[in-house]
């Protein structure tokens, strides 16, 4: 994959580059500021990018803004956002266009190399990769009476793991259930959320977006 890495801290940026290249992927550009990030995304249109939320010049949300601007110009441009802390607003803004190919991980997740690369590859493929800590916080703040209230506890558990980007097989391993049983739960929750698209990947992305935007 062709990847852009945007991170203002040199040691972390260099570490990300080395990690990505160790797994056989190509880092085509790096960036250390918000404007540099937007320029790199526009120029390279990478298969996926890794972008820190807080970057110069303001150290607020420059990285996220650059990613959102690039996705507005190129819908579905895959972006994996890294953040020091869970920020619900950032997650929702990133997911607002509904086109998939997005991820939101805490920086500490980078230290789990296999999991990080797996998340990067899922996002590049148009899926989602959400940090469990992000999912937990969003789930805790879900408003009563919302769309998720119609789901059973088991269906909510399946949807939460789906939001992390896990396949039905992986969800089954987590919940000690068969893949076919998980398939039945996903079909049921798709129906309850009114998601009837024939493309399974598209349905999964839409279900995750419904889940993350429900609170």
C-alpha atoms as a PDB file:
ATOM      1  CA  UNK A   1       0.000   0.000   0.000  1.00  0.00           C
ATOM      2  CA  UNK A   2       1.011   3.622  -0.583  1.00  0.00           C
ATOM      3  CA  UNK A   3       0.752   5.434   2.746  1.00  0.00           C
ATOM      4  CA  UNK A   4       1.090   9.018   4.022  1.00  0.00           C
ATOM      5  CA  UNK A   5       2.160   9.465   7.654  1.00  0.00           C
ATOM      6  CA  UNK A   6       1.287  12.787   9.323  1.00  0.00           C
ATOM      7  CA  UNK A   7       2.671  13.242  12.845  1.00  0.00           C
ATOM      8  CA  UNK A   8       4.502  16.247  14.284  1.00  0.00           C
ATOM      9  CA  UNK A   9       6.643  14.327  16.807  1.00  0.00           C
ATOM     10  CA  UNK A  10       9.745  13.160  14.941  1.00  0.00           C
ATOM     11  CA  UNK A  11      10.382  10.011  16.984  1.00  0.00           C
ATOM     12  CA  UNK A  12       6.800   8.772  16.639  1.00  0.00           C
ATOM     13  CA  UNK A  13       6.670   9.688  12.952  1.00  0.00           C
ATOM     14  CA  UNK A  14       9.929   7.876  12.274  1.00  0.00           C
ATOM     15  CA  UNK A  15       8.736   4.896  14.287  1.00  0.00           C
ATOM     16  CA  UNK A  16       5.499   4.709  12.304  1.00  0.00           C
ATOM     17  CA  UNK A  17       7.399   4.843   9.023  1.00  0.00           C
ATOM     18  CA  UNK A  18       9.739   2.053  10.102  1.00  0.00           C
ATOM     19  CA  UNK A  19       6.853  -0.087  11.358  1.00  0.00           C
ATOM     20  CA  UNK A  20       4.809   0.339   8.187  1.00  0.00           C
ATOM     21  CA  UNK A  21       7.773  -0.410   5.926  1.00  0.00           C
ATOM     22  CA  UNK A  22       8.674  -3.476   8.010  1.00  0.00           C
ATOM     23  CA  UNK A  23       5.301  -4.916   7.002  1.00  0.00           C
ATOM     24  CA  UNK A  24       6.038  -4.420   3.316  1.00  0.00           C
ATOM     25  CA  UNK A  25       4.129  -1.200   2.679  1.00  0.00           C
ATOM     26  CA  UNK A  26       5.468   2.039   1.161  1.00  0.00           C
ATOM     27  CA  UNK A  27       5.414   5.419   2.898  1.00  0.00           C
ATOM     28  CA  UNK A  28       5.191   7.864  -0.013  1.00  0.00           C
ATOM     29  CA  UNK A  29       5.212  11.060   2.084  1.00  0.00           C
ATOM     30  CA  UNK A  30       5.366  12.359   5.638  1.00  0.00           C
ATOM     31  CA  UNK A  31       4.017  15.576   7.136  1.00  0.00           C
ATOM     32  CA  UNK A  32       4.566  17.469  10.377  1.00  0.00           C
ATOM     33  CA  UNK A  33       1.903  20.217  10.176  1.00  0.00           C
ATOM     34  CA  UNK A  34      -1.738  20.528   9.199  1.00  0.00           C
ATOM     35  CA  UNK A  35      -1.039  22.340   5.894  1.00  0.00           C
ATOM     36  CA  UNK A  36       1.678  19.815   4.970  1.00  0.00           C
ATOM     37  CA  UNK A  37      -0.788  17.001   5.682  1.00  0.00           C
ATOM     38  CA  UNK A  38      -3.457  18.413   3.400  1.00  0.00           C
ATOM     39  CA  UNK A  39      -0.900  19.012   0.651  1.00  0.00           C
ATOM     40  CA  UNK A  40       0.405  15.436   0.917  1.00  0.00           C
ATOM     41  CA  UNK A  41      -3.094  13.946   0.839  1.00  0.00           C
ATOM     42  CA  UNK A  42      -4.041  16.031  -2.185  1.00  0.00           C
ATOM     43  CA  UNK A  43      -0.809  15.249  -4.023  1.00  0.00           C
ATOM     44  CA  UNK A  44      -0.534  11.520  -3.373  1.00  0.00           C
ATOM     45  CA  UNK A  45      -4.131  10.396  -2.768  1.00  0.00           C
ATOM     46  CA  UNK A  46      -2.679   7.451  -0.840  1.00  0.00           C
ATOM     47  CA  UNK A  47      -4.235   4.044  -0.342  1.00  0.00           C
ATOM     48  CA  UNK A  48      -4.492   5.048   3.317  1.00  0.00           C
ATOM     49  CA  UNK A  49      -3.032   7.714   5.590  1.00  0.00           C
ATOM     50  CA  UNK A  50      -2.134   7.831   9.274  1.00  0.00           C
ATOM     51  CA  UNK A  51      -2.916  11.278  10.687  1.00  0.00           C
ATOM     52  CA  UNK A  52      -2.434  12.709  14.171  1.00  0.00           C
ATOM     53  CA  UNK A  53      -5.340  14.856  15.380  1.00  0.00           C
ATOM     54  CA  UNK A  54      -3.287  17.610  17.022  1.00  0.00           C
ATOM     55  CA  UNK A  55      -0.640  19.210  14.813  1.00  0.00           C
ATOM     56  CA  UNK A  56       1.013  22.600  14.285  1.00  0.00           C
ATOM     57  CA  UNK A  57       0.469  25.451  13.806  1.00  0.00           C
ATOM     58  CA  UNK A  58      -2.288  25.533  16.456  1.00  0.00           C
ATOM     59  CA  UNK A  59      -1.871  22.107  18.110  1.00  0.00           C
ATOM     60  CA  UNK A  60      -5.661  21.816  18.231  1.00  0.00           C
ATOM     61  CA  UNK A  61      -7.264  19.658  15.544  1.00  0.00           C
ATOM     62  CA  UNK A  62      -5.191  20.603  12.494  1.00  0.00           C
ATOM     63  CA  UNK A  63      -4.630  16.995  11.439  1.00  0.00           C
ATOM     64  CA  UNK A  64      -8.292  16.075  11.617  1.00  0.00           C
ATOM     65  CA  UNK A  65      -9.259  19.204   9.658  1.00  0.00           C
ATOM     66  CA  UNK A  66      -6.755  18.339   6.946  1.00  0.00           C
ATOM     67  CA  UNK A  67      -8.131  14.792   6.726  1.00  0.00           C
ATOM     68  CA  UNK A  68     -11.726  16.023   6.534  1.00  0.00           C
ATOM     69  CA  UNK A  69     -10.828  18.560   3.821  1.00  0.00           C
ATOM     70  CA  UNK A  70      -9.064  15.870   1.771  1.00  0.00           C
ATOM     71  CA  UNK A  71     -12.020  13.495   2.121  1.00  0.00           C
ATOM     72  CA  UNK A  72     -14.392  16.261   1.045  1.00  0.00           C
ATOM     73  CA  UNK A  73     -12.382  16.590  -2.168  1.00  0.00           C
ATOM     74  CA  UNK A  74     -11.879  12.835  -2.606  1.00  0.00           C
ATOM     75  CA  UNK A  75     -14.854  11.027  -1.002  1.00  0.00           C
ATOM     76  CA  UNK A  76     -13.871   7.799   0.692  1.00  0.00           C
ATOM     77  CA  UNK A  77     -10.161   8.649   0.861  1.00  0.00           C
ATOM     78  CA  UNK A  78      -9.026   6.196   3.575  1.00  0.00           C
ATOM     79  CA  UNK A  79      -7.811   7.858   6.781  1.00  0.00           C
ATOM     80  CA  UNK A  80      -6.748   6.383  10.108  1.00  0.00           C
ATOM     81  CA  UNK A  81      -6.748   9.066  12.806  1.00  0.00           C
ATOM     82  CA  UNK A  82      -4.505   8.826  15.877  1.00  0.00           C
ATOM     83  CA  UNK A  83      -5.346  10.640  19.102  1.00  0.00           C
ATOM     84  CA  UNK A  84      -3.865  10.878  22.582  1.00  0.00           C
ATOM     85  CA  UNK A  85      -7.322  10.877  24.176  1.00  0.00           C
ATOM     86  CA  UNK A  86     -10.850   9.787  23.278  1.00  0.00           C
ATOM     87  CA  UNK A  87     -12.736  12.717  21.733  1.00  0.00           C
ATOM     88  CA  UNK A  88     -16.292  11.851  20.743  1.00  0.00           C
ATOM     89  CA  UNK A  89     -16.652  14.950  18.573  1.00  0.00           C
ATOM     90  CA  UNK A  90     -13.608  13.977  16.503  1.00  0.00           C
ATOM     91  CA  UNK A  91     -14.964  10.475  15.910  1.00  0.00           C
ATOM     92  CA  UNK A  92     -18.332  11.791  14.792  1.00  0.00           C
ATOM     93  CA  UNK A  93     -16.882  14.422  12.480  1.00  0.00           C
ATOM     94  CA  UNK A  94     -14.688  11.836  10.838  1.00  0.00           C
ATOM     95  CA  UNK A  95     -17.652   9.508  10.282  1.00  0.00           C
ATOM     96  CA  UNK A  96     -20.154  12.163   9.256  1.00  0.00           C
ATOM     97  CA  UNK A  97     -19.870  11.696   5.469  1.00  0.00           C
ATOM     98  CA  UNK A  98     -20.863   8.036   5.780  1.00  0.00           C
ATOM     99  CA  UNK A  99     -18.465   6.787   3.126  1.00  0.00           C
ATOM    100  CA  UNK A 100     -16.371   4.387   5.229  1.00  0.00           C
ATOM    101  CA  UNK A 101     -12.631   3.918   4.994  1.00  0.00           C
ATOM    102  CA  UNK A 102     -12.078   5.518   8.390  1.00  0.00           C
ATOM    103  CA  UNK A 103     -10.398   4.601  11.637  1.00  0.00           C
ATOM    104  CA  UNK A 104      -9.903   6.245  15.023  1.00  0.00           C
ATOM    105  CA  UNK A 105      -7.259   4.796  17.321  1.00  0.00           C
ATOM    106  CA  UNK A 106      -5.561   5.934  20.482  1.00  0.00           C
ATOM    107  CA  UNK A 107      -1.810   6.391  20.053  1.00  0.00           C
ATOM    108  CA  UNK A 108      -1.095   3.670  22.582  1.00  0.00           C
ATOM    109  CA  UNK A 109      -2.572   1.183  20.099  1.00  0.00           C
ATOM    110  CA  UNK A 110       0.422   1.727  17.824  1.00  0.00           C
ATOM    111  CA  UNK A 111       2.526  -0.316  20.241  1.00  0.00           C
ATOM    112  CA  UNK A 112       0.500  -3.415  19.280  1.00  0.00           C
ATOM    113  CA  UNK A 113       2.134  -3.672  15.858  1.00  0.00           C
ATOM    114  CA  UNK A 114       0.055  -6.502  14.360  1.00  0.00           C
ATOM    115  CA  UNK A 115      -3.217  -4.935  15.505  1.00  0.00           C
ATOM    116  CA  UNK A 116      -2.201  -1.519  14.205  1.00  0.00           C
ATOM    117  CA  UNK A 117      -1.272  -2.845  10.756  1.00  0.00           C
ATOM    118  CA  UNK A 118      -4.461  -4.914  10.654  1.00  0.00           C
ATOM    119  CA  UNK A 119      -6.486  -1.770  11.405  1.00  0.00           C
ATOM    120  CA  UNK A 120      -4.591   0.155   8.727  1.00  0.00           C
ATOM    121  CA  UNK A 121      -5.307  -2.520   6.123  1.00  0.00           C
ATOM    122  CA  UNK A 122      -9.015  -2.672   7.059  1.00  0.00           C
ATOM    123  CA  UNK A 123      -9.348   1.090   6.631  1.00  0.00           C
ATOM    124  CA  UNK A 124      -7.523   0.936   3.293  1.00  0.00           C
ATOM    125  CA  UNK A 125     -10.074  -1.660   2.200  1.00  0.00           C
ATOM    126  CA  UNK A 126     -12.989   0.692   2.912  1.00  0.00           C
ATOM    127  CA  UNK A 127     -13.862  -0.688   6.337  1.00  0.00           C
ATOM    128  CA  UNK A 128     -13.704   0.794   9.817  1.00  0.00           C
ATOM    129  CA  UNK A 129     -11.273   0.437  12.700  1.00  0.00           C
ATOM    130  CA  UNK A 130     -12.359   1.978  15.967  1.00  0.00           C
ATOM    131  CA  UNK A 131     -10.405   1.749  19.208  1.00  0.00           C
ATOM    132  CA  UNK A 132     -12.303  -0.230  21.889  1.00  0.00           C
ATOM    133  CA  UNK A 133     -11.903   2.736  24.260  1.00  0.00           C
ATOM    134  CA  UNK A 134     -13.670   4.973  21.728  1.00  0.00           C
ATOM    135  CA  UNK A 135     -16.475   2.451  21.337  1.00  0.00           C
ATOM    136  CA  UNK A 136     -16.888   2.095  25.099  1.00  0.00           C
ATOM    137  CA  UNK A 137     -17.183   5.846  25.639  1.00  0.00           C
ATOM    138  CA  UNK A 138     -19.670   6.294  22.810  1.00  0.00           C
ATOM    139  CA  UNK A 139     -21.715   3.346  24.042  1.00  0.00           C
ATOM    140  CA  UNK A 140     -21.823   4.782  27.561  1.00  0.00           C
ATOM    141  CA  UNK A 141     -23.211   8.071  26.248  1.00  0.00           C
ATOM    142  CA  UNK A 142     -25.894   6.596  23.982  1.00  0.00           C
ATOM    143  CA  UNK A 143     -29.129   8.445  24.590  1.00  0.00           C
ATOM    144  CA  UNK A 144     -32.203   6.493  25.799  1.00  0.00           C
ATOM    145  CA  UNK A 145     -34.865   5.990  23.166  1.00  0.00           C
ATOM    146  CA  UNK A 146     -32.405   6.144  20.283  1.00  0.00           C
ATOM    147  CA  UNK A 147     -32.132   3.761  17.359  1.00  0.00           C
ATOM    148  CA  UNK A 148     -30.001   1.311  19.302  1.00  0.00           C
ATOM    149  CA  UNK A 149     -32.671   0.787  21.947  1.00  0.00           C
ATOM    150  CA  UNK A 150     -34.409  -1.717  19.665  1.00  0.00           C
ATOM    151  CA  UNK A 151     -31.350  -3.998  19.685  1.00  0.00           C
ATOM    152  CA  UNK A 152     -30.885  -6.814  22.192  1.00  0.00           C
ATOM    153  CA  UNK A 153     -27.844  -6.817  24.460  1.00  0.00           C
ATOM    154  CA  UNK A 154     -26.249  -9.522  22.326  1.00  0.00           C
ATOM    155  CA  UNK A 155     -26.874  -7.562  19.120  1.00  0.00           C
ATOM    156  CA  UNK A 156     -25.298  -4.484  20.711  1.00  0.00           C
ATOM    157  CA  UNK A 157     -22.255  -6.558  21.647  1.00  0.00           C
ATOM    158  CA  UNK A 158     -21.956  -7.814  18.073  1.00  0.00           C
ATOM    159  CA  UNK A 159     -22.331  -4.282  16.700  1.00  0.00           C
ATOM    160  CA  UNK A 160     -19.703  -2.906  19.091  1.00  0.00           C
ATOM    161  CA  UNK A 161     -17.179  -5.502  17.892  1.00  0.00           C
ATOM    162  CA  UNK A 162     -18.206  -4.824  14.295  1.00  0.00           C
ATOM    163  CA  UNK A 163     -17.400  -1.157  14.927  1.00  0.00           C
ATOM    164  CA  UNK A 164     -13.876  -2.176  15.902  1.00  0.00           C
ATOM    165  CA  UNK A 165     -13.624  -3.688  12.418  1.00  0.00           C
ATOM    166  CA  UNK A 166     -13.822  -7.381  13.319  1.00  0.00           C
ATOM    167  CA  UNK A 167     -15.163  -9.974  10.885  1.00  0.00           C
ATOM    168  CA  UNK A 168     -18.029 -12.306  11.824  1.00  0.00           C
ATOM    169  CA  UNK A 169     -15.507 -15.065  12.441  1.00  0.00           C
ATOM    170  CA  UNK A 170     -13.441 -12.870  14.781  1.00  0.00           C
ATOM    171  CA  UNK A 171     -16.584 -11.655  16.580  1.00  0.00           C
ATOM    172  CA  UNK A 172     -17.612 -15.277  17.091  1.00  0.00           C
ATOM    173  CA  UNK A 173     -14.271 -16.041  18.722  1.00  0.00           C
ATOM    174  CA  UNK A 174     -14.657 -13.052  21.049  1.00  0.00           C
ATOM    175  CA  UNK A 175     -18.186 -14.033  22.102  1.00  0.00           C
ATOM    176  CA  UNK A 176     -17.660 -17.821  22.002  1.00  0.00           C
ATOM    177  CA  UNK A 177     -20.322 -18.244  19.341  1.00  0.00           C
ATOM    178  CA  UNK A 178     -20.283 -19.848  15.890  1.00  0.00           C
ATOM    179  CA  UNK A 179     -19.801 -17.744  12.777  1.00  0.00           C
ATOM    180  CA  UNK A 180     -23.255 -18.749  11.552  1.00  0.00           C
ATOM    181  CA  UNK A 181     -24.809 -17.540  14.815  1.00  0.00           C
ATOM    182  CA  UNK A 182     -23.043 -14.208  14.468  1.00  0.00           C
ATOM    183  CA  UNK A 183     -24.354 -14.030  10.898  1.00  0.00           C
ATOM    184  CA  UNK A 184     -27.903 -14.343  12.237  1.00  0.00           C
ATOM    185  CA  UNK A 185     -27.297 -11.570  14.754  1.00  0.00           C
ATOM    186  CA  UNK A 186     -25.875  -9.259  12.089  1.00  0.00           C
ATOM    187  CA  UNK A 187     -28.824  -9.920   9.773  1.00  0.00           C
ATOM    188  CA  UNK A 188     -31.207  -9.131  12.641  1.00  0.00           C
ATOM    189  CA  UNK A 189     -29.479  -5.908  13.663  1.00  0.00           C
ATOM    190  CA  UNK A 190     -29.247  -4.748  10.039  1.00  0.00           C
ATOM    191  CA  UNK A 191     -33.015  -5.184   9.806  1.00  0.00           C
ATOM    192  CA  UNK A 192     -33.718  -3.352  13.055  1.00  0.00           C
ATOM    193  CA  UNK A 193     -31.550  -0.445  11.922  1.00  0.00           C
ATOM    194  CA  UNK A 194     -33.276  -0.352   8.542  1.00  0.00           C
ATOM    195  CA  UNK A 195     -30.122  -1.250   6.619  1.00  0.00           C
ATOM    196  CA  UNK A 196     -31.116  -3.351   3.598  1.00  0.00           C
ATOM    197  CA  UNK A 197     -28.318  -2.763   1.064  1.00  0.00           C
ATOM    198  CA  UNK A 198     -27.229  -5.982  -0.675  1.00  0.00           C
ATOM    199  CA  UNK A 199     -23.491  -5.265  -0.350  1.00  0.00           C
ATOM    200  CA  UNK A 200     -22.405  -6.788   2.976  1.00  0.00           C
ATOM    201  CA  UNK A 201     -19.357  -4.527   3.347  1.00  0.00           C
ATOM    202  CA  UNK A 202     -21.486  -1.452   2.726  1.00  0.00           C
ATOM    203  CA  UNK A 203     -24.102  -2.649   5.211  1.00  0.00           C
ATOM    204  CA  UNK A 204     -21.466  -3.175   7.889  1.00  0.00           C
ATOM    205  CA  UNK A 205     -20.083   0.335   7.410  1.00  0.00           C
ATOM    206  CA  UNK A 206     -23.572   1.850   7.554  1.00  0.00           C
ATOM    207  CA  UNK A 207     -24.387  -0.117  10.708  1.00  0.00           C
ATOM    208  CA  UNK A 208     -21.185   1.090  12.369  1.00  0.00           C
ATOM    209  CA  UNK A 209     -21.940   4.673  11.395  1.00  0.00           C
ATOM    210  CA  UNK A 210     -25.458   4.345  12.803  1.00  0.00           C
ATOM    211  CA  UNK A 211     -23.988   2.986  16.018  1.00  0.00           C
ATOM    212  CA  UNK A 212     -21.336   5.664  16.442  1.00  0.00           C
ATOM    213  CA  UNK A 213     -23.737   8.498  15.603  1.00  0.00           C
ATOM    214  CA  UNK A 214     -26.570   7.266  17.806  1.00  0.00           C
ATOM    215  CA  UNK A 215     -25.598   9.040  21.025  1.00  0.00           C
END
